[in-house]
Amino acid sequence: MRSILFILFISLSVTAQNQLGGVILDSASKRPLEFVDVYNRYDYTVTNADGSFLFLSEGDSVILKKLGYKELRTTFEKLQNKKHIFLSEASIALDEVVVTNESSIFDKINKAIPSNYPFRPFEERFMLRAVLKKNDSILKIEDLSGKVKRQQLLANKVYPFPKKNFEIELLNMRKAGLEEEEDEFKLNDFNEILRWFNMLFISRKYVDTNIKAIGESMVKIDFVTKDSIVQESGNKSEGYWMIDTTNHAIVEGMVISNRPQIEFDKSGLYRYHTPYFQVNTIFSQHKNGRYFIKNSRVDFKTEVVNSKTEKKDFYTCSYILTSQDNFKYLNTNSNVSEKRDIFKLKYPYNPDFWEKQNQLLLTEEMLEFLATVKDENNEYRAVSNLK
């Protein structure tokens, strides 16, 4: 069964001259690296959460690139028999610590936001993955591709988000899930998900920062909630921003928020709260000078308690976004609601599309889950658009 599923989901028609697959790891920790760009002048793909990729191209060159790591330029021939590929972190020398006015750096970043990011309508293609787990076991998987028209990318006091910031044209979908017998944990809607990818900004007055140079034109700003605030609230946020010093654009950001003291909300028989939230977003600069979201990932954990039995369940949800054809005229025609649970959306499964795409490879854990969905003896009722 598993081999059949593997062929169904990630087999590709081999029309390109060269084909390369493998796993990219951090050379020191040996951990898988997600969002490594694998490309040449003709084609592009990106690694998944397992560090896996599948790259097809007519060209022979291969470039492996991830911010904070040394770029690797090589060829299909040199990598052909390598199952694992290692990238090394870019070194940061002790004498590279930035000794400049922090306020000046933040002022320049804020001042440059209107010129670095689009605050007018633009279109792009997207691929979005959603994975919902209950007590560490997968409950739902959904992959979607389509076009989105954004009114603007970011928001600030001068340019707040409009009431309707997104128009979505869904073009492809594959989903599989197990419905719970009691109340169902829903996935979020496009409006919520696409905004979360931008949640990288934290007021500087609440955090301590440390700034270091990485190379000639990049600085990394690490931040963490001030100790006095942590002691008072019990909540802590930390993360980093990578800044291009030539234009003071944020090219990557990560925010990790731990809020164990956050209050519970109520819904019928249940009470719940979300004590953990993390977002990691990578921007890329278009030839028009504006930045767009190239890759992004949001993870959060929600604790749900049955008020009658006091039984606790933990749900973890991940959303992964990649984008292409940014700033092109795509004639996006909205065909789904951006305010509806994405798992409730309906669209037919197109095997030809999913067999040929290489942007959203399924992980080993996902393949095992799909076998469970096919099993008639599973605990929950299966819901899927797969044929």
Protein backbone atom coordinates (compact mmCIF):
# COMPACT_ATOMS: atom_id res chain seq x y z
CA MET A 1 0.00 0.00 0.00
CA ARG A 2 2.73 2.43 0.95
CA SER A 3 4.61 2.01 -2.35
CA ILE A 4 1.39 2.62 -4.27
CA LEU A 5 0.77 5.83 -2.35
CA PHE A 6 4.33 6.95 -2.96
CA ILE A 7 3.89 6.57 -6.70
CA LEU A 8 0.50 8.27 -6.61
CA PHE A 9 1.73 11.38 -4.86
CA ILE A 10 5.28 12.14 -5.79
CA SER A 11 6.11 10.34 -9.00
CA LEU A 12 7.08 12.78 -11.73
CA SER A 13 7.00 12.48 -15.49
CA VAL A 14 10.64 12.41 -16.48
CA THR A 15 10.71 14.84 -19.35
CA ALA A 16 13.67 16.88 -18.11
CA GLN A 17 17.22 15.93 -19.00
CA ASN A 18 18.48 15.83 -15.41
CA GLN A 19 16.84 14.60 -12.21
CA LEU A 20 18.20 14.91 -8.69
CA GLY A 21 16.78 13.97 -5.31
CA GLY A 22 18.25 13.99 -1.83
CA VAL A 23 18.20 15.34 1.69
CA ILE A 24 19.99 18.53 2.76
CA LEU A 25 21.35 18.66 6.31
CA ASP A 26 23.17 21.10 8.57
CA SER A 27 26.81 19.99 8.51
CA ALA A 28 27.28 20.47 12.27
CA SER A 29 24.00 19.33 13.85
CA LYS A 30 22.95 16.96 11.02
CA ARG A 31 19.39 18.28 11.32
CA PRO A 32 17.28 18.56 8.13
CA LEU A 33 17.16 22.03 6.57
CA GLU A 34 13.78 23.30 5.38
CA PHE A 35 13.41 26.06 2.77
CA VAL A 36 16.77 25.49 1.05
CA ASP A 37 16.51 26.91 -2.48
CA VAL A 38 17.57 24.37 -5.13
CA TYR A 39 17.78 26.03 -8.53
CA ASN A 40 19.60 27.10 -11.68
CA ARG A 41 18.77 29.61 -14.40
CA TYR A 42 15.99 27.36 -15.74
CA ASP A 43 14.22 25.71 -12.78
CA TYR A 44 13.56 25.95 -9.05
CA THR A 45 12.39 23.89 -6.09
CA VAL A 46 12.71 24.01 -2.30
CA THR A 47 13.31 21.46 0.47
CA ASN A 48 10.49 20.27 2.74
CA ALA A 49 10.48 19.76 6.52
CA ASP A 50 12.52 16.55 6.12
CA GLY A 51 15.14 18.43 4.11
CA SER A 52 14.08 16.42 1.05
CA PHE A 53 13.87 17.76 -2.49
CA LEU A 54 13.37 16.57 -6.05
CA PHE A 55 14.87 18.76 -8.76
CA LEU A 56 14.32 18.43 -12.51
CA SER A 57 16.07 20.63 -15.05
CA GLU A 58 17.45 20.77 -18.56
CA GLY A 59 20.47 22.63 -17.21
CA ASP A 60 23.40 20.85 -15.55
CA SER A 61 24.24 23.41 -12.85
CA VAL A 62 22.74 23.24 -9.35
CA ILE A 63 22.78 25.99 -6.73
CA LEU A 64 21.88 25.28 -3.09
CA LYS A 65 21.17 28.40 -1.07
CA LYS A 66 19.78 29.23 2.37
CA LEU A 67 20.23 32.47 4.27
CA GLY A 68 22.81 32.06 7.02
CA TYR A 69 24.57 29.20 5.21
CA LYS A 70 27.41 29.07 2.70
CA GLU A 71 26.06 28.84 -0.83
CA LEU A 72 26.94 25.64 -2.71
CA ARG A 73 27.38 25.77 -6.49
CA THR A 74 27.76 22.38 -8.11
CA THR A 75 26.35 20.11 -10.87
CA PHE A 76 23.92 17.22 -11.24
CA GLU A 77 26.83 14.91 -12.01
CA LYS A 78 28.69 15.72 -8.77
CA LEU A 79 25.60 15.20 -6.61
CA GLN A 80 24.10 12.24 -8.44
CA ASN A 81 25.16 9.52 -5.98
CA LYS A 82 24.85 11.58 -2.80
CA LYS A 83 21.82 10.81 -0.64
CA HIS A 84 22.77 13.48 1.91
CA ILE A 85 24.09 16.95 1.11
CA PHE A 86 25.57 19.12 3.87
CA LEU A 87 25.53 22.91 4.12
CA SER A 88 27.76 24.82 6.53
CA GLU A 89 26.66 27.88 8.46
CA ALA A 90 28.22 31.19 7.45
CA SER A 91 30.86 32.01 10.04
CA ILE A 92 30.48 35.00 12.34
CA ALA A 93 33.80 36.29 13.64
CA LEU A 94 33.97 37.79 17.12
CA ASP A 95 35.22 41.09 15.74
CA GLU A 96 32.13 41.36 13.50
CA VAL A 97 29.83 42.41 16.36
CA VAL A 98 28.15 45.63 15.31
CA VAL A 99 29.06 48.57 17.52
CA THR A 100 26.62 51.14 16.25
CA ASN A 101 23.57 52.98 17.49
CA GLU A 102 20.74 50.43 17.73
CA SER A 103 18.08 53.13 17.56
CA SER A 104 19.54 54.31 14.28
CA ILE A 105 19.26 50.82 12.76
CA PHE A 106 15.63 50.39 13.83
CA ASP A 107 14.74 53.88 12.62
CA LYS A 108 16.20 53.09 9.20
CA ILE A 109 14.31 49.78 9.03
CA ASN A 110 10.98 51.45 9.82
CA LYS A 111 11.62 54.33 7.45
CA ALA A 112 12.46 51.93 4.59
CA ILE A 113 9.35 49.71 4.94
CA PRO A 114 7.18 51.72 2.47
CA SER A 115 9.89 51.56 -0.21
CA ASN A 116 10.92 47.94 0.39
CA TYR A 117 7.50 46.23 0.44
CA PRO A 118 4.43 46.56 -1.80
CA PHE A 119 1.59 48.68 -0.44
CA ARG A 120 -0.44 48.46 -3.64
CA PRO A 121 -2.25 45.52 -5.30
CA PHE A 122 -0.17 42.72 -6.81
CA GLU A 123 -0.66 39.08 -7.78
CA GLU A 124 1.31 35.88 -7.33
CA ARG A 125 0.95 32.11 -7.46
CA PHE A 126 1.07 30.18 -4.22
CA MET A 127 1.30 26.68 -2.80
CA LEU A 128 0.05 26.15 0.74
CA ARG A 129 0.33 23.10 2.97
CA ALA A 130 -1.68 22.56 6.16
CA VAL A 131 -0.97 19.78 8.67
CA LEU A 132 -3.07 19.25 11.80
CA LYS A 133 -1.98 16.86 14.54
CA LYS A 134 -3.76 15.66 17.67
CA ASN A 135 -1.46 14.51 20.47
CA ASP A 136 1.40 14.25 17.94
CA SER A 137 -0.57 12.10 15.45
CA ILE A 138 -1.62 13.55 12.08
CA LEU A 139 -5.34 14.23 11.79
CA LYS A 140 -5.51 16.25 8.57
CA ILE A 141 -3.29 17.06 5.59
CA GLU A 142 -4.18 19.54 2.87
CA ASP A 143 -2.19 20.97 -0.05
CA LEU A 144 -3.55 23.83 -2.16
CA SER A 145 -2.24 25.77 -5.14
CA GLY A 146 -3.65 28.79 -6.87
CA LYS A 147 -3.38 32.53 -7.38
CA VAL A 148 -3.76 35.33 -4.87
CA LYS A 149 -4.29 39.04 -5.39
CA ARG A 150 -3.09 41.04 -2.41
CA GLN A 151 -4.01 44.66 -1.81
CA GLN A 152 -0.76 45.07 0.14
CA LEU A 153 1.86 42.82 1.75
CA LEU A 154 2.43 44.41 5.16
CA ALA A 155 0.53 46.79 7.41
CA ASN A 156 1.52 49.64 9.72
CA LYS A 157 -0.08 52.67 11.32
CA VAL A 158 -0.02 54.62 8.06
CA TYR A 159 -1.16 51.69 5.88
CA PRO A 160 -3.50 49.39 7.88
CA PHE A 161 -4.80 46.25 6.20
CA PRO A 162 -8.03 46.84 4.25
CA LYS A 163 -11.12 44.82 5.21
CA LYS A 164 -10.62 42.61 2.16
CA ASN A 165 -6.91 42.20 1.55
CA PHE A 166 -6.96 38.91 -0.39
CA GLU A 167 -8.71 37.46 -3.42
CA ILE A 168 -8.08 33.73 -3.89
CA GLU A 169 -8.43 31.66 -7.05
CA LEU A 170 -8.01 28.00 -6.14
CA LEU A 171 -6.57 25.86 -8.96
CA ASN A 172 -5.61 22.57 -7.31
CA MET A 173 -6.27 20.74 -4.05
CA ARG A 174 -5.50 17.43 -2.40
CA LYS A 175 -6.67 16.68 1.12
CA ALA A 176 -7.10 13.76 3.47
CA GLY A 177 -8.26 13.71 7.06
CA LEU A 178 -9.94 11.80 9.84
CA GLU A 179 -13.08 13.33 11.38
CA GLU A 180 -13.36 13.19 15.15
CA GLU A 181 -16.49 11.73 16.69
CA GLU A 182 -17.00 14.72 18.96
CA ASP A 183 -16.38 18.40 18.23
CA GLU A 184 -14.04 18.93 15.30
CA PHE A 185 -10.89 21.07 15.48
CA LYS A 186 -11.16 23.28 12.41
CA LEU A 187 -8.39 24.57 10.20
CA ASN A 188 -8.12 28.31 9.69
CA ASP A 189 -9.20 30.39 6.71
CA PHE A 190 -7.04 32.08 4.06
CA ASN A 191 -7.56 35.50 5.63
CA GLU A 192 -6.11 34.37 8.97
CA ILE A 193 -3.33 32.20 7.55
CA LEU A 194 -1.94 34.73 5.07
CA ARG A 195 -1.84 37.44 7.76
CA TRP A 196 0.03 35.17 10.18
CA PHE A 197 2.95 34.86 7.76
CA ASN A 198 3.56 38.59 8.37
CA MET A 199 3.53 38.47 12.18
CA LEU A 200 7.23 39.27 12.56
CA PHE A 201 7.11 42.64 14.25
CA ILE A 202 7.50 43.18 17.99
CA SER A 203 7.79 46.54 19.72
CA ARG A 204 11.43 47.17 20.57
CA LYS A 205 10.56 48.60 23.99
CA TYR A 206 9.53 45.09 25.17
CA VAL A 207 12.68 43.23 24.10
CA ASP A 208 16.44 43.17 24.59
CA THR A 209 18.43 42.96 21.36
CA ASN A 210 21.85 41.83 20.22
CA ILE A 211 23.14 42.81 16.78
CA LYS A 212 25.86 41.00 14.83
CA ALA A 213 27.19 41.33 11.30
CA ILE A 214 27.01 38.40 8.89
CA GLY A 215 29.11 39.15 5.85
CA GLU A 216 29.55 42.59 4.35
CA SER A 217 25.90 43.59 3.86
CA MET A 218 23.86 41.58 6.37
CA VAL A 219 23.20 41.94 10.08
CA LYS A 220 21.31 39.63 12.40
CA ILE A 221 19.26 41.12 15.23
CA ASP A 222 18.49 38.60 17.97
CA PHE A 223 15.77 39.63 20.41
CA VAL A 224 14.16 38.28 23.57
CA THR A 225 11.48 39.63 25.92
CA LYS A 226 12.91 41.68 28.78
CA ASP A 227 13.34 39.70 32.01
CA SER A 228 11.12 42.11 33.96
CA ILE A 229 8.22 41.47 31.58
CA VAL A 230 8.73 37.69 31.66
CA GLN A 231 8.70 37.70 35.47
CA GLU A 232 5.53 39.79 35.54
CA SER A 233 3.53 38.03 32.82
CA GLY A 234 5.10 34.58 32.55
CA ASN A 235 5.11 35.01 28.76
CA LYS A 236 8.20 35.17 26.56
CA SER A 237 8.91 35.95 22.91
CA GLU A 238 12.23 35.54 21.14
CA GLY A 239 13.60 35.32 17.64
CA TYR A 240 15.63 37.22 15.08
CA TRP A 241 15.53 39.49 12.06
CA MET A 242 18.04 39.33 9.20
CA ILE A 243 18.60 42.80 7.74
CA ASP A 244 20.12 43.77 4.38
CA THR A 245 22.15 46.83 5.31
CA THR A 246 22.19 48.18 1.74
CA ASN A 247 18.47 49.03 1.92
CA HIS A 248 17.53 48.09 5.53
CA ALA A 249 15.01 45.49 4.40
CA ILE A 250 14.02 42.56 6.61
CA VAL A 251 14.93 39.55 4.45
CA GLU A 252 14.11 36.90 7.04
CA GLY A 253 12.46 36.85 10.42
CA MET A 254 11.47 34.39 13.12
CA VAL A 255 9.28 34.96 16.15
CA ILE A 256 8.70 32.29 18.81
CA SER A 257 6.05 33.12 21.38
CA ASN A 258 5.58 31.05 24.55
CA ARG A 259 2.51 32.16 26.51
CA PRO A 260 1.78 29.52 29.16
CA GLN A 261 -0.21 32.01 31.26
CA ILE A 262 -2.61 33.04 28.50
CA GLU A 263 -6.24 32.69 29.58
CA PHE A 264 -8.57 29.98 28.30
CA ASP A 265 -11.48 30.73 26.00
CA LYS A 266 -14.69 28.68 26.00
CA SER A 267 -16.61 26.92 23.26
CA GLY A 268 -19.51 24.76 24.41
CA LEU A 269 -18.23 21.90 26.54
CA TYR A 270 -14.60 22.83 25.93
CA ARG A 271 -12.12 25.44 27.04
CA TYR A 272 -8.92 26.11 25.09
CA HIS A 273 -5.89 28.34 24.74
CA THR A 274 -2.87 28.62 22.45
CA PRO A 275 0.32 28.82 24.54
CA TYR A 276 2.78 28.43 21.65
CA PHE A 277 3.08 30.25 18.32
CA GLN A 278 5.99 30.41 15.87
CA VAL A 279 6.43 32.07 12.48
CA ASN A 280 9.46 31.96 10.16
CA THR A 281 9.27 34.02 6.96
CA ILE A 282 11.81 34.47 4.17
CA PHE A 283 11.49 37.41 1.78
CA SER A 284 13.02 37.79 -1.67
CA GLN A 285 13.57 40.93 -3.71
CA HIS A 286 11.92 41.25 -7.11
CA LYS A 287 13.64 43.08 -9.95
CA ASN A 288 11.21 45.96 -9.32
CA GLY A 289 12.96 46.49 -5.98
CA ARG A 290 10.07 45.30 -3.81
CA TYR A 291 10.18 42.30 -1.50
CA PHE A 292 7.67 39.45 -1.43
CA ILE A 293 7.19 36.39 0.79
CA LYS A 294 9.13 33.57 -0.85
CA ASN A 295 8.74 30.90 1.84
CA SER A 296 7.05 30.94 5.22
CA ARG A 297 5.98 28.59 7.99
CA VAL A 298 3.61 29.04 10.92
CA ASP A 299 3.30 26.54 13.79
CA PHE A 300 1.10 26.76 16.84
CA LYS A 301 -0.09 24.51 19.66
CA THR A 302 -3.55 24.64 21.23
CA GLU A 303 -4.54 22.94 24.46
CA VAL A 304 -8.19 21.78 24.57
CA VAL A 305 -9.81 20.66 27.83
CA ASN A 306 -13.15 18.86 28.17
CA SER A 307 -14.79 20.75 31.06
CA LYS A 308 -16.85 17.71 32.03
CA THR A 309 -14.12 15.05 32.14
CA GLU A 310 -11.05 17.36 32.37
CA LYS A 311 -9.48 15.33 29.58
CA LYS A 312 -6.71 17.30 27.82
CA ASP A 313 -5.77 17.11 24.16
CA PHE A 314 -3.05 19.03 22.38
CA TYR A 315 -3.50 20.09 18.77
CA THR A 316 -0.55 21.33 16.71
CA CYS A 317 -1.10 23.01 13.38
CA SER A 318 1.43 23.94 10.69
CA TYR A 319 0.97 26.09 7.60
CA ILE A 320 3.72 26.24 4.95
CA LEU A 321 3.68 28.74 2.07
CA THR A 322 5.75 29.09 -1.09
CA SER A 323 5.15 31.58 -3.89
CA GLN A 324 6.04 32.04 -7.55
CA ASP A 325 5.32 34.43 -10.46
CA ASN A 326 5.28 37.36 -8.07
CA PHE A 327 4.11 40.74 -9.41
CA LYS A 328 2.95 39.23 -12.71
CA TYR A 329 -0.46 39.98 -14.17
CA LEU A 330 -2.35 36.73 -13.52
CA ASN A 331 -5.98 37.81 -13.93
CA THR A 332 -6.96 36.32 -10.57
CA ASN A 333 -10.67 35.47 -10.40
CA SER A 334 -11.85 34.69 -6.88
CA ASN A 335 -13.61 31.31 -6.69
CA VAL A 336 -13.47 30.50 -2.94
CA SER A 337 -14.21 32.37 0.25
CA GLU A 338 -11.11 33.66 2.02
CA LYS A 339 -13.03 33.47 5.32
CA ARG A 340 -13.92 29.77 5.34
CA ASP A 341 -12.08 26.86 6.97
CA ILE A 342 -9.76 25.75 4.14
CA PHE A 343 -10.49 22.06 4.80
CA LYS A 344 -14.19 22.75 4.10
CA LEU A 345 -13.38 24.13 0.65
CA LYS A 346 -14.26 21.84 -2.25
CA TYR A 347 -12.18 21.32 -5.37
CA PRO A 348 -11.58 18.18 -7.45
CA TYR A 349 -8.33 16.25 -7.21
CA ASN A 350 -6.15 16.54 -10.33
CA PRO A 351 -3.69 13.60 -10.34
CA ASP A 352 -1.78 14.95 -13.35
CA PHE A 353 -0.90 18.17 -11.50
CA TRP A 354 0.13 16.53 -8.22
CA GLU A 355 2.19 13.82 -9.93
CA LYS A 356 4.25 16.44 -11.80
CA GLN A 357 4.74 19.17 -9.17
CA ASN A 358 7.88 19.10 -6.99
CA GLN A 359 7.23 21.98 -4.57
CA LEU A 360 5.31 20.05 -1.90
CA LEU A 361 6.89 16.64 -1.42
CA LEU A 362 5.19 14.44 1.14
CA THR A 363 7.23 13.47 4.21
CA GLU A 364 7.55 9.89 5.44
CA GLU A 365 5.14 10.68 8.28
CA MET A 366 2.56 11.96 5.80
CA LEU A 367 2.81 8.88 3.61
CA GLU A 368 2.18 6.68 6.64
CA PHE A 369 -0.86 8.79 7.55
CA LEU A 370 -2.33 8.44 4.06
CA ALA A 371 -2.16 4.67 4.43
CA THR A 372 -4.14 5.05 7.67
CA VAL A 373 -6.83 7.08 5.90
CA LYS A 374 -7.31 4.18 3.48
CA ASP A 375 -7.68 1.72 6.36
CA GLU A 376 -11.36 0.89 6.96
CA ASN A 377 -10.61 -0.04 10.58
CA ASN A 378 -9.36 3.40 11.66
CA GLU A 379 -11.04 5.09 14.61
CA TYR A 380 -12.42 8.09 12.70
CA ARG A 381 -14.35 8.59 9.49
CA ALA A 382 -12.05 9.41 6.58
CA VAL A 383 -12.57 12.58 4.53
CA SER A 384 -10.64 13.00 1.29
CA ASN A 385 -10.87 14.28 -2.28
CA LEU A 386 -8.26 11.75 -3.46
CA LYS A 387 -9.35 9.20 -6.04
